[in-house]
């Protein structure tokens, strides 16, 4: 782990202290948990944005083979 200093407002510090007492977790654990949650959420949003941007990417292409016939050729149950 890497030591990092942060500045909190009094209200944030008091809120974390209250939560720390209620959960039995250290302030540092609460902050790490919050950072991990933010990073996971950000990662999901980035993934969703990439998928949204890729949706329909080949929609108007006429230079691609017909997917249904290509897929039918792969289907072993019809052999």
PDB file of N, CA and C in Angstrom:
ATOM      1  N   UNK A   1       0.833  -1.193   0.000  1.00  0.00           N
ATOM      2  CA  UNK A   1       0.000   0.000   0.000  1.00  0.00           C
ATOM      3  C   UNK A   1       0.869   1.245   0.000  1.00  0.00           C
ATOM      4  N   UNK A   2       0.301   2.297  -0.505  1.00  0.00           N
ATOM      5  CA  UNK A   2       1.000   3.571  -0.579  1.00  0.00           C
ATOM      6  C   UNK A   2       0.296   4.546   0.352  1.00  0.00           C
ATOM      7  N   UNK A   3       1.066   5.224   1.159  1.00  0.00           N
ATOM      8  CA  UNK A   3       0.497   6.207   2.083  1.00  0.00           C
ATOM      9  C   UNK A   3       0.116   7.460   1.298  1.00  0.00           C
ATOM     10  N   UNK A   4      -1.107   7.941   1.544  1.00  0.00           N
ATOM     11  CA  UNK A   4      -1.608   9.122   0.864  1.00  0.00           C
ATOM     12  C   UNK A   4      -2.339   9.999   1.863  1.00  0.00           C
ATOM     13  N   UNK A   5      -2.102  11.269   1.792  1.00  0.00           N
ATOM     14  CA  UNK A   5      -2.819  12.203   2.660  1.00  0.00           C
ATOM     15  C   UNK A   5      -3.941  12.855   1.870  1.00  0.00           C
ATOM     16  N   UNK A   6      -5.085  13.047   2.540  1.00  0.00           N
ATOM     17  CA  UNK A   6      -6.203  13.735   1.909  1.00  0.00           C
ATOM     18  C   UNK A   6      -6.753  14.774   2.885  1.00  0.00           C
ATOM     19  N   UNK A   7      -7.420  15.755   2.340  1.00  0.00           N
ATOM     20  CA  UNK A   7      -8.098  16.758   3.149  1.00  0.00           C
ATOM     21  C   UNK A   7      -9.591  16.490   3.081  1.00  0.00           C
ATOM     22  N   UNK A   8     -10.231  16.464   4.245  1.00  0.00           N
ATOM     23  CA  UNK A   8     -11.675  16.274   4.345  1.00  0.00           C
ATOM     24  C   UNK A   8     -12.293  17.493   5.007  1.00  0.00           C
ATOM     25  N   UNK A   9     -13.537  17.746   4.688  1.00  0.00           N
ATOM     26  CA  UNK A   9     -14.244  18.796   5.426  1.00  0.00           C
ATOM     27  C   UNK A   9     -14.540  18.257   6.817  1.00  0.00           C
ATOM     28  N   UNK A  10     -14.802  19.138   7.728  1.00  0.00           N
ATOM     29  CA  UNK A  10     -15.153  18.711   9.094  1.00  0.00           C
ATOM     30  C   UNK A  10     -16.370  17.792   9.063  1.00  0.00           C
ATOM     31  N   UNK A  11     -17.341  18.154   8.235  1.00  0.00           N
ATOM     32  CA  UNK A  11     -18.575  17.369   8.136  1.00  0.00           C
ATOM     33  C   UNK A  11     -18.282  15.956   7.614  1.00  0.00           C
ATOM     34  N   UNK A  12     -17.434  15.856   6.597  1.00  0.00           N
ATOM     35  CA  UNK A  12     -17.064  14.542   6.066  1.00  0.00           C
ATOM     36  C   UNK A  12     -16.313  13.725   7.116  1.00  0.00           C
ATOM     37  N   UNK A  13     -15.401  14.370   7.812  1.00  0.00           N
ATOM     38  CA  UNK A  13     -14.608  13.680   8.851  1.00  0.00           C
ATOM     39  C   UNK A  13     -15.505  13.187   9.971  1.00  0.00           C
ATOM     40  N   UNK A  14     -16.451  14.000  10.385  1.00  0.00           N
ATOM     41  CA  UNK A  14     -17.379  13.592  11.450  1.00  0.00           C
ATOM     42  C   UNK A  14     -18.279  12.449  10.974  1.00  0.00           C
ATOM     43  N   UNK A  15     -18.733  12.553   9.733  1.00  0.00           N
ATOM     44  CA  UNK A  15     -19.562  11.484   9.182  1.00  0.00           C
ATOM     45  C   UNK A  15     -18.812  10.163   9.116  1.00  0.00           C
ATOM     46  N   UNK A  16     -17.559  10.211   8.691  1.00  0.00           N
ATOM     47  CA  UNK A  16     -16.747   8.996   8.651  1.00  0.00           C
ATOM     48  C   UNK A  16     -16.473   8.453  10.042  1.00  0.00           C
ATOM     49  N   UNK A  17     -16.249   9.343  11.003  1.00  0.00           N
ATOM     50  CA  UNK A  17     -16.013   8.903  12.378  1.00  0.00           C
ATOM     51  C   UNK A  17     -17.245   8.195  12.930  1.00  0.00           C
ATOM     52  N   UNK A  18     -18.420   8.732  12.645  1.00  0.00           N
ATOM     53  CA  UNK A  18     -19.670   8.106  13.087  1.00  0.00           C
ATOM     54  C   UNK A  18     -19.840   6.739  12.433  1.00  0.00           C
ATOM     55  N   UNK A  19     -19.589   6.691  11.124  1.00  0.00           N
ATOM     56  CA  UNK A  19     -19.702   5.429  10.402  1.00  0.00           C
ATOM     57  C   UNK A  19     -18.670   4.421  10.903  1.00  0.00           C
ATOM     58  N   UNK A  20     -17.497   4.894  11.233  1.00  0.00           N
ATOM     59  CA  UNK A  20     -16.442   4.042  11.751  1.00  0.00           C
ATOM     60  C   UNK A  20     -16.872   3.389  13.071  1.00  0.00           C
ATOM     61  N   UNK A  21     -17.457   4.176  13.943  1.00  0.00           N
ATOM     62  CA  UNK A  21     -17.935   3.640  15.226  1.00  0.00           C
ATOM     63  C   UNK A  21     -19.071   2.643  15.017  1.00  0.00           C
ATOM     64  N   UNK A  22     -19.954   2.949  14.083  1.00  0.00           N
ATOM     65  CA  UNK A  22     -21.110   2.082  13.848  1.00  0.00           C
ATOM     66  C   UNK A  22     -20.714   0.752  13.212  1.00  0.00           C
ATOM     67  N   UNK A  23     -19.711   0.775  12.336  1.00  0.00           N
ATOM     68  CA  UNK A  23     -19.331  -0.439  11.612  1.00  0.00           C
ATOM     69  C   UNK A  23     -18.140  -1.162  12.221  1.00  0.00           C
ATOM     70  N   UNK A  24     -17.389  -0.459  13.047  1.00  0.00           N
ATOM     71  CA  UNK A  24     -16.182  -1.059  13.610  1.00  0.00           C
ATOM     72  C   UNK A  24     -15.011  -1.048  12.634  1.00  0.00           C
ATOM     73  N   UNK A  25     -15.181  -0.337  11.531  1.00  0.00           N
ATOM     74  CA  UNK A  25     -14.102  -0.243  10.534  1.00  0.00           C
ATOM     75  C   UNK A  25     -13.271   1.000  10.803  1.00  0.00           C
ATOM     76  N   UNK A  26     -11.997   0.934  10.464  1.00  0.00           N
ATOM     77  CA  UNK A  26     -11.128   2.094  10.586  1.00  0.00           C
ATOM     78  C   UNK A  26     -11.472   3.094   9.483  1.00  0.00           C
ATOM     79  N   UNK A  27     -11.144   4.369   9.733  1.00  0.00           N
ATOM     80  CA  UNK A  27     -11.368   5.404   8.724  1.00  0.00           C
ATOM     81  C   UNK A  27     -10.678   5.044   7.413  1.00  0.00           C
ATOM     82  N   UNK A  28      -9.457   4.555   7.502  1.00  0.00           N
ATOM     83  CA  UNK A  28      -8.706   4.203   6.294  1.00  0.00           C
ATOM     84  C   UNK A  28      -9.419   3.095   5.515  1.00  0.00           C
ATOM     85  N   UNK A  29     -10.019   2.134   6.209  1.00  0.00           N
ATOM     86  CA  UNK A  29     -10.757   1.070   5.537  1.00  0.00           C
ATOM     87  C   UNK A  29     -11.976   1.630   4.814  1.00  0.00           C
ATOM     88  N   UNK A  30     -12.683   2.539   5.477  1.00  0.00           N
ATOM     89  CA  UNK A  30     -13.861   3.157   4.866  1.00  0.00           C
ATOM     90  C   UNK A  30     -13.480   3.939   3.607  1.00  0.00           C
ATOM     91  N   UNK A  31     -12.384   4.668   3.694  1.00  0.00           N
ATOM     92  CA  UNK A  31     -11.941   5.469   2.554  1.00  0.00           C
ATOM     93  C   UNK A  31     -11.500   4.558   1.411  1.00  0.00           C
ATOM     94  N   UNK A  32     -10.754   3.488   1.711  1.00  0.00           N
ATOM     95  CA  UNK A  32     -10.335   2.547   0.662  1.00  0.00           C
ATOM     96  C   UNK A  32     -11.550   1.899   0.010  1.00  0.00           C
ATOM     97  N   UNK A  33     -12.543   1.529   0.820  1.00  0.00           N
ATOM     98  CA  UNK A  33     -13.761   0.923   0.287  1.00  0.00           C
ATOM     99  C   UNK A  33     -14.482   1.894  -0.654  1.00  0.00           C
ATOM    100  N   UNK A  34     -14.543   3.159  -0.257  1.00  0.00           N
ATOM    101  CA  UNK A  34     -15.190   4.173  -1.097  1.00  0.00           C
ATOM    102  C   UNK A  34     -14.417   4.373  -2.402  1.00  0.00           C
ATOM    103  N   UNK A  35     -13.105   4.407  -2.332  1.00  0.00           N
ATOM    104  CA  UNK A  35     -12.283   4.579  -3.535  1.00  0.00           C
ATOM    105  C   UNK A  35     -12.456   3.377  -4.454  1.00  0.00           C
ATOM    106  N   UNK A  36     -12.434   2.173  -3.892  1.00  0.00           N
ATOM    107  CA  UNK A  36     -12.624   0.965  -4.701  1.00  0.00           C
ATOM    108  C   UNK A  36     -13.983   0.976  -5.391  1.00  0.00           C
ATOM    109  N   UNK A  37     -15.013   1.407  -4.679  1.00  0.00           N
ATOM    110  CA  UNK A  37     -16.349   1.491  -5.270  1.00  0.00           C
ATOM    111  C   UNK A  37     -16.398   2.498  -6.407  1.00  0.00           C
ATOM    112  N   UNK A  38     -15.769   3.636  -6.214  1.00  0.00           N
ATOM    113  CA  UNK A  38     -15.737   4.663  -7.256  1.00  0.00           C
ATOM    114  C   UNK A  38     -15.000   4.170  -8.495  1.00  0.00           C
ATOM    115  N   UNK A  39     -13.870   3.492  -8.293  1.00  0.00           N
ATOM    116  CA  UNK A  39     -13.105   2.973  -9.423  1.00  0.00           C
ATOM    117  C   UNK A  39     -13.882   1.887 -10.167  1.00  0.00           C
ATOM    118  N   UNK A  40     -14.566   1.017  -9.445  1.00  0.00           N
ATOM    119  CA  UNK A  40     -15.374  -0.033 -10.085  1.00  0.00           C
ATOM    120  C   UNK A  40     -16.514   0.588 -10.883  1.00  0.00           C
ATOM    121  N   UNK A  41     -17.161   1.584 -10.308  1.00  0.00           N
ATOM    122  CA  UNK A  41     -18.270   2.265 -10.991  1.00  0.00           C
ATOM    123  C   UNK A  41     -17.761   2.959 -12.255  1.00  0.00           C
ATOM    124  N   UNK A  42     -16.621   3.605 -12.154  1.00  0.00           N
ATOM    125  CA  UNK A  42     -16.032   4.302 -13.295  1.00  0.00           C
ATOM    126  C   UNK A  42     -15.678   3.302 -14.396  1.00  0.00           C
ATOM    127  N   UNK A  43     -15.157   2.156 -14.012  1.00  0.00           N
ATOM    128  CA  UNK A  43     -14.794   1.118 -14.971  1.00  0.00           C
ATOM    129  C   UNK A  43     -16.036   0.617 -15.701  1.00  0.00           C
ATOM    130  N   UNK A  44     -17.141   0.415 -14.970  1.00  0.00           N
ATOM    131  CA  UNK A  44     -18.391  -0.023 -15.597  1.00  0.00           C
ATOM    132  C   UNK A  44     -18.896   1.026 -16.571  1.00  0.00           C
ATOM    133  N   UNK A  45     -18.804   2.296 -16.172  1.00  0.00           N
ATOM    134  CA  UNK A  45     -19.278   3.376 -17.054  1.00  0.00           C
ATOM    135  C   UNK A  45     -18.439   3.443 -18.324  1.00  0.00           C
ATOM    136  N   UNK A  46     -17.116   3.266 -18.189  1.00  0.00           N
ATOM    137  CA  UNK A  46     -16.254   3.281 -19.377  1.00  0.00           C
ATOM    138  C   UNK A  46     -16.582   2.112 -20.297  1.00  0.00           C
ATOM    139  N   UNK A  47     -16.780   0.925 -19.713  1.00  0.00           N
ATOM    140  CA  UNK A  47     -17.125  -0.251 -20.515  1.00  0.00           C
ATOM    141  C   UNK A  47     -18.453  -0.024 -21.232  1.00  0.00           C
ATOM    142  N   UNK A  48     -19.446   0.484 -20.500  1.00  0.00           N
ATOM    143  CA  UNK A  48     -20.755   0.744 -21.103  1.00  0.00           C
ATOM    144  C   UNK A  48     -20.646   1.777 -22.227  1.00  0.00           C
ATOM    145  N   UNK A  49     -19.814   2.797 -22.035  1.00  0.00           N
ATOM    146  CA  UNK A  49     -19.643   3.824 -23.066  1.00  0.00           C
ATOM    147  C   UNK A  49     -19.017   3.226 -24.321  1.00  0.00           C
ATOM    148  N   UNK A  50     -18.043   2.339 -24.159  1.00  0.00           N
ATOM    149  CA  UNK A  50     -17.407   1.693 -25.310  1.00  0.00           C
ATOM    150  C   UNK A  50     -18.421   0.808 -26.031  1.00  0.00           C
ATOM    151  N   UNK A  51     -19.203   0.045 -25.272  1.00  0.00           N
ATOM    152  CA  UNK A  51     -20.212  -0.815 -25.902  1.00  0.00           C
ATOM    153  C   UNK A  51     -21.267   0.016 -26.626  1.00  0.00           C
ATOM    154  N   UNK A  52     -21.698   1.116 -26.014  1.00  0.00           N
ATOM    155  CA  UNK A  52     -22.673   1.995 -26.669  1.00  0.00           C
ATOM    156  C   UNK A  52     -22.112   2.564 -27.971  1.00  0.00           C
ATOM    157  N   UNK A  53     -20.840   2.941 -27.945  1.00  0.00           N
ATOM    158  CA  UNK A  53     -20.220   3.509 -29.142  1.00  0.00           C
ATOM    159  C   UNK A  53     -20.091   2.458 -30.242  1.00  0.00           C
ATOM    160  N   UNK A  54     -19.910   1.192 -29.853  1.00  0.00           N
ATOM    161  CA  UNK A  54     -19.739   0.123 -30.843  1.00  0.00           C
ATOM    162  C   UNK A  54     -21.073  -0.409 -31.365  1.00  0.00           C
ATOM    163  N   UNK A  55     -22.152  -0.157 -30.644  1.00  0.00           N
ATOM    164  CA  UNK A  55     -23.461  -0.677 -31.046  1.00  0.00           C
ATOM    165  C   UNK A  55     -23.835  -0.138 -32.427  1.00  0.00           C
ATOM    166  N   UNK A  56     -24.198  -1.046 -33.318  1.00  0.00           N
ATOM    167  CA  UNK A  56     -24.608  -0.645 -34.657  1.00  0.00           C
ATOM    168  C   UNK A  56     -23.476  -0.250 -35.573  1.00  0.00           C
ATOM    169  N   UNK A  57     -22.266  -0.528 -35.170  1.00  0.00           N
ATOM    170  CA  UNK A  57     -21.090  -0.108 -35.927  1.00  0.00           C
ATOM    171  C   UNK A  57     -21.106  -0.628 -37.367  1.00  0.00           C
ATOM    172  N   UNK A  58     -21.609  -1.848 -37.573  1.00  0.00           N
ATOM    173  CA  UNK A  58     -21.623  -2.442 -38.904  1.00  0.00           C
ATOM    174  C   UNK A  58     -23.017  -2.406 -39.516  1.00  0.00           C
ATOM    175  N   UNK A  59     -23.905  -1.665 -38.934  1.00  0.00           N
ATOM    176  CA  UNK A  59     -25.316  -1.644 -39.322  1.00  0.00           C
ATOM    177  C   UNK A  59     -25.524  -1.366 -40.812  1.00  0.00           C
ATOM    178  N   UNK A  60     -24.875  -0.402 -41.364  1.00  0.00           N
ATOM    179  CA  UNK A  60     -25.126   0.016 -42.746  1.00  0.00           C
ATOM    180  C   UNK A  60     -24.077  -0.481 -43.732  1.00  0.00           C
ATOM    181  N   UNK A  61     -23.355  -1.546 -43.374  1.00  0.00           N
ATOM    182  CA  UNK A  61     -22.313  -2.060 -44.268  1.00  0.00           C
ATOM    183  C   UNK A  61     -22.914  -3.085 -45.212  1.00  0.00           C
ATOM    184  N   UNK A  62     -22.577  -2.974 -46.481  1.00  0.00           N
ATOM    185  CA  UNK A  62     -23.059  -3.946 -47.453  1.00  0.00           C
ATOM    186  C   UNK A  62     -21.922  -4.805 -48.013  1.00  0.00           C
ATOM    187  N   UNK A  63     -20.724  -4.655 -47.452  1.00  0.00           N
ATOM    188  CA  UNK A  63     -19.572  -5.417 -47.920  1.00  0.00           C
ATOM    189  C   UNK A  63     -19.304  -6.652 -47.063  1.00  0.00           C
ATOM    190  N   UNK A  64     -20.212  -6.969 -46.131  1.00  0.00           N
ATOM    191  CA  UNK A  64     -20.034  -8.113 -45.244  1.00  0.00           C
ATOM    192  C   UNK A  64     -20.888  -9.280 -45.723  1.00  0.00           C
ATOM    193  N   UNK A  65     -20.427 -10.518 -45.491  1.00  0.00           N
ATOM    194  CA  UNK A  65     -21.246 -11.665 -45.892  1.00  0.00           C
ATOM    195  C   UNK A  65     -22.519 -11.729 -45.051  1.00  0.00           C
ATOM    196  N   UNK A  66     -23.518 -12.427 -45.580  1.00  0.00           N
ATOM    197  CA  UNK A  66     -24.776 -12.604 -44.870  1.00  0.00           C
ATOM    198  C   UNK A  66     -24.527 -13.461 -43.631  1.00  0.00           C
ATOM    199  N   UNK A  67     -24.801 -12.908 -42.466  1.00  0.00           N
ATOM    200  CA  UNK A  67     -24.497 -13.610 -41.226  1.00  0.00           C
ATOM    201  C   UNK A  67     -25.339 -14.881 -41.078  1.00  0.00           C
ATOM    202  N   UNK A  68     -26.592 -14.842 -41.455  1.00  0.00           N
ATOM    203  CA  UNK A  68     -27.461 -16.007 -41.281  1.00  0.00           C
ATOM    204  C   UNK A  68     -26.921 -17.196 -42.071  1.00  0.00           C
ATOM    205  N   UNK A  69     -26.483 -16.990 -43.337  1.00  0.00           N
ATOM    206  CA  UNK A  69     -25.939 -18.114 -44.101  1.00  0.00           C
ATOM    207  C   UNK A  69     -24.608 -18.586 -43.543  1.00  0.00           C
ATOM    208  N   UNK A  70     -23.789 -17.644 -43.119  1.00  0.00           N
ATOM    209  CA  UNK A  70     -22.503 -18.025 -42.529  1.00  0.00           C
ATOM    210  C   UNK A  70     -22.732 -18.840 -41.270  1.00  0.00           C
ATOM    211  N   UNK A  71     -23.658 -18.399 -40.438  1.00  0.00           N
ATOM    212  CA  UNK A  71     -23.952 -19.102 -39.192  1.00  0.00           C
ATOM    213  C   UNK A  71     -24.555 -20.476 -39.472  1.00  0.00           C
ATOM    214  N   UNK A  72     -25.412 -20.585 -40.481  1.00  0.00           N
ATOM    215  CA  UNK A  72     -26.015 -21.863 -40.833  1.00  0.00           C
ATOM    216  C   UNK A  72     -24.937 -22.864 -41.253  1.00  0.00           C
ATOM    217  N   UNK A  73     -23.906 -22.379 -41.929  1.00  0.00           N
ATOM    218  CA  UNK A  73     -22.821 -23.259 -42.350  1.00  0.00           C
ATOM    219  C   UNK A  73     -22.049 -23.800 -41.154  1.00  0.00           C
ATOM    220  N   UNK A  74     -22.040 -23.076 -40.054  1.00  0.00           N
ATOM    221  CA  UNK A  74     -21.333 -23.511 -38.858  1.00  0.00           C
ATOM    222  C   UNK A  74     -22.161 -24.469 -37.999  1.00  0.00           C
ATOM    223  N   UNK A  75     -23.461 -24.438 -38.185  1.00  0.00           N
ATOM    224  CA  UNK A  75     -24.358 -25.189 -37.322  1.00  0.00           C
ATOM    225  C   UNK A  75     -24.211 -26.694 -37.584  1.00  0.00           C
ATOM    226  N   UNK A  76     -23.688 -27.391 -36.655  1.00  0.00           N
ATOM    227  CA  UNK A  76     -23.398 -28.824 -36.808  1.00  0.00           C
ATOM    228  C   UNK A  76     -24.665 -29.670 -36.785  1.00  0.00           C
ATOM    229  N   UNK A  77     -25.739 -29.161 -36.185  1.00  0.00           N
ATOM    230  CA  UNK A  77     -26.959 -29.957 -36.067  1.00  0.00           C
ATOM    231  C   UNK A  77     -27.629 -30.153 -37.425  1.00  0.00           C
ATOM    232  N   UNK A  78     -27.290 -29.337 -38.414  1.00  0.00           N
ATOM    233  CA  UNK A  78     -27.897 -29.456 -39.747  1.00  0.00           C
ATOM    234  C   UNK A  78     -27.058 -30.331 -40.665  1.00  0.00           C
ATOM    235  N   UNK A  79     -25.953 -30.803 -40.176  1.00  0.00           N
ATOM    236  CA  UNK A  79     -25.051 -31.621 -41.012  1.00  0.00           C
ATOM    237  C   UNK A  79     -25.491 -33.054 -41.047  1.00  0.00           C
TER     238      UNK A  79
END
